[in-house]
Amino acid sequence: MGAGALNFFNVLCNSTEGIKARCGIIKTSHSEIETPVFMPVGTLGTVKAVDLSYLNNFDCRILLSNTYHLYLRPGCDVLENAGGLHKFMNWNKSILTDSGGFQIFSLSDLKKITGEGVEFSSHIDGSKHFFTPEKVVDIQRIIGSDIMMPLDECMPYPISEKDAIKSLEITHNWEKRCLDHFVNSESKYGFEQFLFSINQGSTNKNLRKESIEFLDSLNFSGNAIGGLAVGEPKELMNETVEYCVSIMNPEKPVYLMGVGTPEDLLNCIENGVDMFDCVLPTRNARHGKLYTTYGEINIKNLKYKFDNNSPDEECKTYTSENYSLSYLRHLFLSGEILGSILISIHNLGFYLNLMKNIRVAIKENRFLNFKKDFLNKYLSNKNK
């Protein structure tokens, strides 16, 4: 049996507005996930500063964790002893795990790449480790994620064509080995797991085409676009996404890794992307930024000192319904942990509510009007 499964992904409707936006459903043993979907990032088995009960209240059905980080801490022995990550973190919906490739290349100062795998130093204590494609699959079997990602090399931007070709050869070799090992191994906890591919090639269309065609010849459950949002101009990112989706298998979900802002989500959904993840909602929350219908709010600004209004009258979240901008500013400037907690909850609520409204708009064939109206408001007073 390959990495694919019958009825894992079904397209429910396609936009009739002359765009590629669509709604679908991904079915795992833990939840049915409506797409397009935004996955909150829970790198270490926790969405920073957010109790998972709030994600349940927002009808979140999938979140992302990271193989590299979980392997280093708490470690595979702890996760296996707990019966997998779902039980360890008390989350009964779906989990997608990134392979850790991006973290190896971005966090480790000392790394050595070979055809066999990659040697790296832990960012925690400097200890040496070696990841092979097979080991990455084994770790994710222990984690017990519903959707697994293969080991790949994330290309930097810019990159020469010669280096990009060499990197792509390594990635394709690693991903095929991941798939072969996945097929010949079994889930540890009695439920089915799925494996996606990751196409690479930077912003080079010829290399992207080569990558997509090679990976499409194999039996992955879904296809991810990797190696974007790494410093390239936004226009080039959007152009690359549009091109990739145009030649990817429409019967499988398309996952754009590590993207992005509300504008990014709308633009890429219009071009046919089904799945997203990004740290922005929680990372920016810890810096005092709130996402609202009328743009981003910097809660540190003096103008909010006496503002007793809620953060967002049009998008009600737990925070919006219970706390004022003045109070949130007080918490943040006082260094109170509750400030980061409440803003993180608010931002995730905003993102998940946005995705819900996008799905409704696609189904009602009014996505383009929804996008226009949303951006008119959101960009009207950006970075207030």
Protein backbone atom coordinates (compact mmCIF):
# COMPACT_ATOMS: atom_id res chain seq x y z
CA MET A 1 0.00 0.00 0.00
CA GLY A 2 1.33 3.45 -0.91
CA ALA A 3 1.08 6.74 0.91
CA GLY A 4 -2.26 7.47 -0.71
CA ALA A 5 -5.65 6.20 0.42
CA LEU A 6 -9.10 6.08 -1.12
CA ASN A 7 -11.27 9.05 -0.07
CA PHE A 8 -8.45 10.75 1.86
CA PHE A 9 -9.23 13.96 -0.05
CA ASN A 10 -12.35 14.93 -1.94
CA VAL A 11 -13.08 18.17 -3.75
CA LEU A 12 -16.53 19.40 -2.71
CA CYS A 13 -16.78 22.31 -5.13
CA ASN A 14 -14.73 24.42 -7.51
CA SER A 15 -15.18 28.15 -7.94
CA THR A 16 -17.12 29.17 -11.06
CA GLU A 17 -15.53 32.63 -11.07
CA GLY A 18 -12.71 31.72 -13.44
CA ILE A 19 -10.22 31.10 -10.61
CA LYS A 20 -8.78 27.95 -9.06
CA ALA A 21 -10.25 28.40 -5.56
CA ARG A 22 -11.98 25.28 -4.30
CA CYS A 23 -13.41 23.64 -1.19
CA GLY A 24 -12.61 20.11 -0.18
CA ILE A 25 -12.42 17.75 2.74
CA ILE A 26 -9.48 15.74 4.11
CA LYS A 27 -10.40 12.71 6.18
CA THR A 28 -8.06 11.28 8.79
CA SER A 29 -8.74 8.96 11.70
CA HIS A 30 -8.97 11.97 14.02
CA SER A 31 -11.04 14.53 12.11
CA GLU A 32 -12.60 15.67 8.88
CA ILE A 33 -10.78 18.81 7.80
CA GLU A 34 -12.56 21.32 5.60
CA THR A 35 -10.30 23.07 3.11
CA PRO A 36 -8.99 25.66 2.48
CA VAL A 37 -7.55 25.32 5.97
CA PHE A 38 -5.08 27.22 8.13
CA MET A 39 -3.13 25.04 10.56
CA PRO A 40 -1.99 26.71 13.80
CA VAL A 41 1.65 25.96 14.54
CA GLY A 42 2.28 23.84 17.64
CA THR A 43 5.97 23.17 17.08
CA LEU A 44 6.72 21.41 20.38
CA GLY A 45 3.29 19.90 20.90
CA THR A 46 1.90 23.21 22.08
CA VAL A 47 0.50 26.24 20.29
CA LYS A 48 2.45 28.90 22.16
CA ALA A 49 0.42 30.60 24.91
CA VAL A 50 -2.85 28.97 23.82
CA ASP A 51 -4.85 26.34 25.67
CA LEU A 52 -6.14 23.81 23.14
CA SER A 53 -9.71 24.25 24.39
CA TYR A 54 -9.78 27.58 22.53
CA LEU A 55 -8.81 25.86 19.29
CA ASN A 56 -11.67 23.44 19.82
CA ASN A 57 -14.00 26.39 20.37
CA PHE A 58 -12.80 27.84 17.05
CA ASP A 59 -13.53 24.46 15.39
CA CYS A 60 -9.86 23.92 14.59
CA ARG A 61 -9.45 20.37 13.28
CA ILE A 62 -5.73 20.18 12.52
CA LEU A 63 -2.54 21.73 13.81
CA LEU A 64 1.14 21.42 12.91
CA SER A 65 4.01 20.11 15.02
CA ASN A 66 7.65 19.61 14.16
CA THR A 67 9.67 16.41 13.92
CA TYR A 68 13.06 18.05 14.53
CA HIS A 69 11.99 19.81 17.70
CA LEU A 70 10.01 16.90 19.15
CA TYR A 71 12.87 14.49 18.42
CA LEU A 72 15.24 16.69 20.44
CA ARG A 73 12.75 17.53 23.19
CA PRO A 74 10.95 15.74 24.81
CA GLY A 75 12.42 12.88 22.75
CA CYS A 76 11.05 9.80 21.03
CA ASP A 77 11.20 7.73 24.22
CA VAL A 78 8.85 10.12 26.04
CA LEU A 79 6.43 10.31 23.10
CA GLU A 80 6.32 6.55 22.64
CA ASN A 81 5.81 6.02 26.35
CA ALA A 82 2.82 8.39 26.20
CA GLY A 83 1.30 6.55 23.26
CA GLY A 84 2.05 9.26 20.71
CA LEU A 85 1.67 13.00 20.48
CA HIS A 86 -2.13 13.06 20.47
CA LYS A 87 -2.27 11.54 23.93
CA PHE A 88 0.81 13.39 25.16
CA MET A 89 -0.71 16.81 24.42
CA ASN A 90 -4.37 15.80 24.92
CA TRP A 91 -5.44 16.70 21.37
CA ASN A 92 -7.96 14.44 19.65
CA LYS A 93 -8.05 16.16 16.24
CA SER A 94 -5.52 15.81 13.42
CA ILE A 95 -1.80 16.61 13.52
CA LEU A 96 0.56 17.27 10.62
CA THR A 97 4.29 17.04 11.30
CA ASP A 98 6.92 18.83 9.26
CA SER A 99 9.96 16.62 8.70
CA GLY A 100 12.33 19.07 10.36
CA GLY A 101 14.35 19.68 7.21
CA PHE A 102 13.80 23.43 7.30
CA GLN A 103 14.78 23.61 10.97
CA ILE A 104 17.98 21.63 10.35
CA PHE A 105 19.05 24.08 7.70
CA SER A 106 17.93 27.23 9.51
CA LEU A 107 18.82 26.50 13.16
CA SER A 108 21.94 24.38 12.95
CA ASP A 109 25.21 26.22 12.40
CA LEU A 110 27.02 22.94 11.80
CA LYS A 111 25.49 20.55 9.28
CA LYS A 112 26.79 18.15 6.68
CA ILE A 113 24.64 16.96 3.81
CA THR A 114 25.32 13.71 1.98
CA GLY A 115 23.30 11.48 -0.27
CA GLU A 116 22.65 9.31 2.79
CA GLY A 117 21.20 12.05 4.95
CA VAL A 118 22.15 15.09 6.99
CA GLU A 119 24.34 15.39 10.07
CA PHE A 120 23.53 18.34 12.30
CA SER A 121 24.20 19.83 15.71
CA SER A 122 21.34 20.37 18.13
CA HIS A 123 20.50 24.05 18.64
CA ILE A 124 19.85 23.14 22.31
CA ASP A 125 23.12 21.59 23.45
CA GLY A 126 25.29 21.17 20.36
CA SER A 127 25.01 17.37 20.39
CA LYS A 128 25.48 15.58 17.05
CA HIS A 129 22.62 13.84 15.26
CA PHE A 130 22.08 12.21 11.88
CA PHE A 131 18.78 12.17 10.01
CA THR A 132 18.22 9.79 7.13
CA PRO A 133 14.95 9.74 5.18
CA GLU A 134 14.12 6.44 6.85
CA LYS A 135 14.80 7.79 10.34
CA VAL A 136 12.54 10.77 9.73
CA VAL A 137 9.69 8.39 8.88
CA ASP A 138 10.41 6.28 11.96
CA ILE A 139 10.33 9.37 14.20
CA GLN A 140 6.99 10.42 12.75
CA ARG A 141 5.65 6.91 13.29
CA ILE A 142 6.53 7.35 16.97
CA ILE A 143 5.01 10.82 17.07
CA GLY A 144 1.87 9.36 15.50
CA SER A 145 0.98 12.34 13.33
CA ASP A 146 -1.87 11.94 10.89
CA ILE A 147 0.02 13.58 8.03
CA MET A 148 3.79 13.18 7.70
CA MET A 149 6.26 15.16 5.60
CA PRO A 150 9.40 13.71 3.97
CA LEU A 151 12.95 14.86 4.50
CA ASP A 152 13.90 17.53 1.97
CA GLU A 153 16.51 20.24 1.55
CA CYS A 154 14.99 23.71 1.69
CA MET A 155 16.77 25.85 -0.87
CA PRO A 156 17.79 29.36 0.18
CA TYR A 157 16.96 32.44 -1.86
CA PRO A 158 18.69 33.42 -4.01
CA ILE A 159 20.38 30.24 -5.23
CA SER A 160 22.34 29.52 -8.40
CA GLU A 161 20.84 27.14 -10.92
CA LYS A 162 23.78 24.76 -10.47
CA ASP A 163 23.27 24.58 -6.71
CA ALA A 164 19.50 24.31 -7.14
CA ILE A 165 19.87 21.32 -9.47
CA LYS A 166 22.22 19.57 -7.01
CA SER A 167 19.84 20.26 -4.12
CA LEU A 168 16.85 18.97 -6.05
CA GLU A 169 18.62 15.69 -6.81
CA ILE A 170 19.23 15.18 -3.10
CA THR A 171 15.63 16.05 -2.20
CA HIS A 172 14.15 13.68 -4.78
CA ASN A 173 16.37 10.84 -3.59
CA TRP A 174 15.42 11.49 0.03
CA GLU A 175 11.69 11.74 -0.67
CA LYS A 176 11.57 8.50 -2.65
CA ARG A 177 13.41 6.75 0.17
CA CYS A 178 10.93 8.21 2.66
CA LEU A 179 8.05 6.85 0.60
CA ASP A 180 9.62 3.41 0.20
CA HIS A 181 10.25 3.15 3.94
CA PHE A 182 6.77 4.48 4.74
CA VAL A 183 5.18 1.79 2.58
CA ASN A 184 7.19 -0.92 4.32
CA SER A 185 6.48 0.25 7.87
CA GLU A 186 3.35 0.43 9.99
CA SER A 187 1.59 2.85 12.28
CA LYS A 188 2.35 2.26 15.96
CA TYR A 189 -1.00 3.31 17.37
CA GLY A 190 -3.62 1.59 15.24
CA PHE A 191 -4.66 4.44 12.96
CA GLU A 192 -3.66 5.26 9.40
CA GLN A 193 -1.00 7.83 8.65
CA PHE A 194 -0.46 9.64 5.36
CA LEU A 195 2.67 10.96 3.65
CA PHE A 196 2.88 14.10 1.48
CA SER A 197 5.54 15.07 -1.03
CA ILE A 198 7.35 18.44 -1.06
CA ASN A 199 8.30 19.93 -4.41
CA GLN A 200 11.31 22.24 -4.50
CA GLY A 201 13.14 24.28 -7.13
CA SER A 202 13.19 27.80 -5.69
CA THR A 203 11.57 30.21 -8.17
CA ASN A 204 12.92 28.35 -11.23
CA LYS A 205 9.88 27.14 -13.19
CA ASN A 206 11.82 24.48 -15.08
CA LEU A 207 13.07 22.94 -11.83
CA ARG A 208 9.63 23.18 -10.23
CA LYS A 209 8.15 21.37 -13.22
CA GLU A 210 10.80 18.68 -12.99
CA SER A 211 10.17 18.26 -9.26
CA ILE A 212 6.39 18.15 -9.56
CA GLU A 213 6.46 15.63 -12.40
CA PHE A 214 8.91 13.34 -10.59
CA LEU A 215 6.95 13.39 -7.34
CA ASP A 216 3.63 12.97 -9.13
CA SER A 217 4.93 9.69 -10.56
CA LEU A 218 5.03 8.37 -6.99
CA ASN A 219 2.11 7.58 -4.70
CA PHE A 220 1.96 10.36 -2.11
CA SER A 221 -1.34 11.34 -0.47
CA GLY A 222 -0.84 15.07 -1.00
CA ASN A 223 1.59 17.54 -2.48
CA ALA A 224 3.31 20.42 -0.73
CA ILE A 225 5.06 23.45 -2.18
CA GLY A 226 8.23 24.06 -0.19
CA GLY A 227 11.05 26.56 -0.35
CA LEU A 228 8.98 29.75 -0.59
CA ALA A 229 8.58 32.68 1.82
CA VAL A 230 12.35 32.48 2.36
CA GLY A 231 13.20 36.01 1.20
CA GLU A 232 12.01 36.13 -2.40
CA PRO A 233 9.85 39.10 -3.51
CA LYS A 234 6.17 38.59 -2.79
CA GLU A 235 5.24 38.89 -6.47
CA LEU A 236 7.69 36.13 -7.35
CA MET A 237 6.30 33.90 -4.60
CA ASN A 238 2.75 34.34 -5.91
CA GLU A 239 3.88 33.72 -9.49
CA THR A 240 5.68 30.53 -8.45
CA VAL A 241 2.67 29.28 -6.48
CA GLU A 242 0.34 29.96 -9.39
CA TYR A 243 2.62 28.05 -11.76
CA CYS A 244 3.09 25.09 -9.41
CA VAL A 245 -0.61 24.63 -8.74
CA SER A 246 -1.36 24.82 -12.47
CA ILE A 247 0.64 21.63 -13.11
CA MET A 248 0.02 19.74 -9.84
CA ASN A 249 -2.38 16.82 -9.55
CA PRO A 250 -5.82 18.37 -8.89
CA GLU A 251 -7.02 15.19 -7.17
CA LYS A 252 -4.65 15.71 -4.23
CA PRO A 253 -4.55 18.49 -1.63
CA VAL A 254 -2.04 21.30 -2.21
CA TYR A 255 -0.16 22.49 0.87
CA LEU A 256 1.86 25.73 0.77
CA MET A 257 4.35 25.50 3.61
CA GLY A 258 5.07 28.41 5.96
CA VAL A 259 2.70 30.99 4.44
CA GLY A 260 1.43 33.49 5.51
CA THR A 261 -0.30 36.82 5.98
CA PRO A 262 -4.06 37.27 5.42
CA GLU A 263 -3.26 38.73 1.98
CA ASP A 264 -1.08 35.69 1.20
CA LEU A 265 -3.87 33.31 2.13
CA LEU A 266 -6.39 35.04 -0.10
CA ASN A 267 -4.03 35.29 -3.08
CA CYS A 268 -2.91 31.68 -2.84
CA ILE A 269 -6.42 30.29 -2.26
CA GLU A 270 -7.46 32.10 -5.42
CA ASN A 271 -4.68 30.15 -7.17
CA GLY A 272 -5.85 26.80 -5.78
CA VAL A 273 -3.92 26.19 -2.54
CA ASP A 274 -5.78 24.07 0.04
CA MET A 275 -3.58 24.08 3.17
CA PHE A 276 -1.45 26.62 5.01
CA ASP A 277 0.57 26.99 8.19
CA CYS A 278 2.39 30.00 9.60
CA VAL A 279 3.76 31.21 12.94
CA LEU A 280 2.64 34.82 12.36
CA PRO A 281 -0.58 34.81 14.43
CA THR A 282 1.15 33.66 17.62
CA ARG A 283 4.63 35.08 17.02
CA ASN A 284 3.29 38.55 16.29
CA ALA A 285 0.97 38.26 19.28
CA ARG A 286 3.99 37.96 21.53
CA HIS A 287 5.21 41.25 20.06
CA GLY A 288 1.92 43.01 20.75
CA LYS A 289 0.34 42.83 17.29
CA LEU A 290 -3.33 41.99 16.79
CA TYR A 291 -4.94 41.05 13.49
CA THR A 292 -8.30 42.77 12.96
CA THR A 293 -10.80 43.41 10.20
CA TYR A 294 -9.27 46.86 9.69
CA GLY A 295 -5.63 45.80 9.70
CA GLU A 296 -2.96 45.13 12.30
CA ILE A 297 -2.98 46.86 15.66
CA ASN A 298 0.23 47.55 17.56
CA ILE A 299 -1.07 47.40 21.11
CA LYS A 300 1.98 49.30 22.40
CA ASN A 301 0.83 52.52 20.71
CA LEU A 302 -0.14 55.33 23.07
CA LYS A 303 -3.42 55.88 21.19
CA TYR A 304 -4.87 52.75 22.85
CA LYS A 305 -4.17 53.85 26.43
CA PHE A 306 -7.76 55.02 26.98
CA ASP A 307 -9.46 52.96 24.24
CA ASN A 308 -12.21 50.90 25.85
CA ASN A 309 -13.36 49.38 22.56
CA SER A 310 -12.85 45.72 21.75
CA PRO A 311 -10.06 44.78 19.33
CA ASP A 312 -12.47 43.84 16.53
CA GLU A 313 -16.18 44.55 16.55
CA GLU A 314 -16.72 42.72 13.23
CA CYS A 315 -14.78 39.53 14.03
CA LYS A 316 -15.72 38.34 17.46
CA THR A 317 -13.19 36.13 19.21
CA TYR A 318 -12.88 35.25 22.88
CA THR A 319 -10.62 38.27 23.38
CA SER A 320 -12.79 40.64 21.36
CA GLU A 321 -15.85 39.78 23.39
CA ASN A 322 -14.28 40.20 26.80
CA TYR A 323 -11.37 42.65 26.81
CA SER A 324 -10.66 46.22 25.72
CA LEU A 325 -7.69 47.56 23.83
CA SER A 326 -6.81 49.65 26.87
CA TYR A 327 -6.66 46.55 29.08
CA LEU A 328 -4.65 44.54 26.56
CA ARG A 329 -2.17 47.42 26.27
CA HIS A 330 -1.87 47.54 30.07
CA LEU A 331 -1.18 43.79 30.25
CA PHE A 332 1.40 43.89 27.49
CA LEU A 333 3.30 46.92 28.78
CA SER A 334 3.27 45.45 32.29
CA GLY A 335 4.91 42.28 31.05
CA GLU A 336 1.95 40.20 32.16
CA ILE A 337 1.86 36.77 30.49
CA LEU A 338 -1.91 37.07 30.11
CA GLY A 339 -1.39 39.78 27.49
CA SER A 340 0.40 37.41 25.12
CA ILE A 341 -2.16 34.69 25.87
CA LEU A 342 -5.17 36.84 25.04
CA ILE A 343 -3.65 38.35 21.90
CA SER A 344 -2.56 34.90 20.67
CA ILE A 345 -6.10 33.57 21.17
CA HIS A 346 -7.51 36.58 19.36
CA ASN A 347 -5.16 36.25 16.38
CA LEU A 348 -5.83 32.54 15.91
CA GLY A 349 -9.55 33.18 16.18
CA PHE A 350 -9.21 35.85 13.51
CA TYR A 351 -7.32 33.53 11.15
CA LEU A 352 -9.63 30.57 11.64
CA ASN A 353 -12.71 32.75 11.24
CA LEU A 354 -11.23 34.20 8.04
CA MET A 355 -10.79 30.70 6.63
CA LYS A 356 -14.34 29.78 7.56
CA ASN A 357 -15.69 32.85 5.75
CA ILE A 358 -13.50 32.10 2.73
CA ARG A 359 -14.93 28.58 2.48
CA VAL A 360 -18.47 29.94 2.57
CA ALA A 361 -17.62 32.54 -0.09
CA ILE A 362 -16.16 29.88 -2.41
CA LYS A 363 -19.22 27.68 -2.02
CA GLU A 364 -21.47 30.64 -2.83
CA ASN A 365 -19.29 31.68 -5.80
CA ARG A 366 -18.51 35.12 -4.40
CA PHE A 367 -14.87 34.67 -3.41
CA LEU A 368 -13.59 37.53 -5.57
CA ASN A 369 -16.05 39.99 -4.03
CA PHE A 370 -15.23 38.67 -0.56
CA LYS A 371 -11.51 39.11 -1.21
CA LYS A 372 -12.00 42.64 -2.52
CA ASP A 373 -14.20 43.69 0.42
CA PHE A 374 -11.89 42.10 2.97
CA LEU A 375 -8.74 43.70 1.61
CA ASN A 376 -10.40 47.10 1.26
CA LYS A 377 -11.03 47.03 4.99
CA TYR A 378 -7.87 45.22 6.05
CA LEU A 379 -5.52 47.45 4.10
CA SER A 380 -7.38 50.68 4.81
CA ASN A 381 -5.36 51.41 7.91
CA LYS A 382 -2.62 48.79 7.94
CA ASN A 383 -0.16 48.70 10.83
CA LYS A 384 -2.12 51.11 13.01
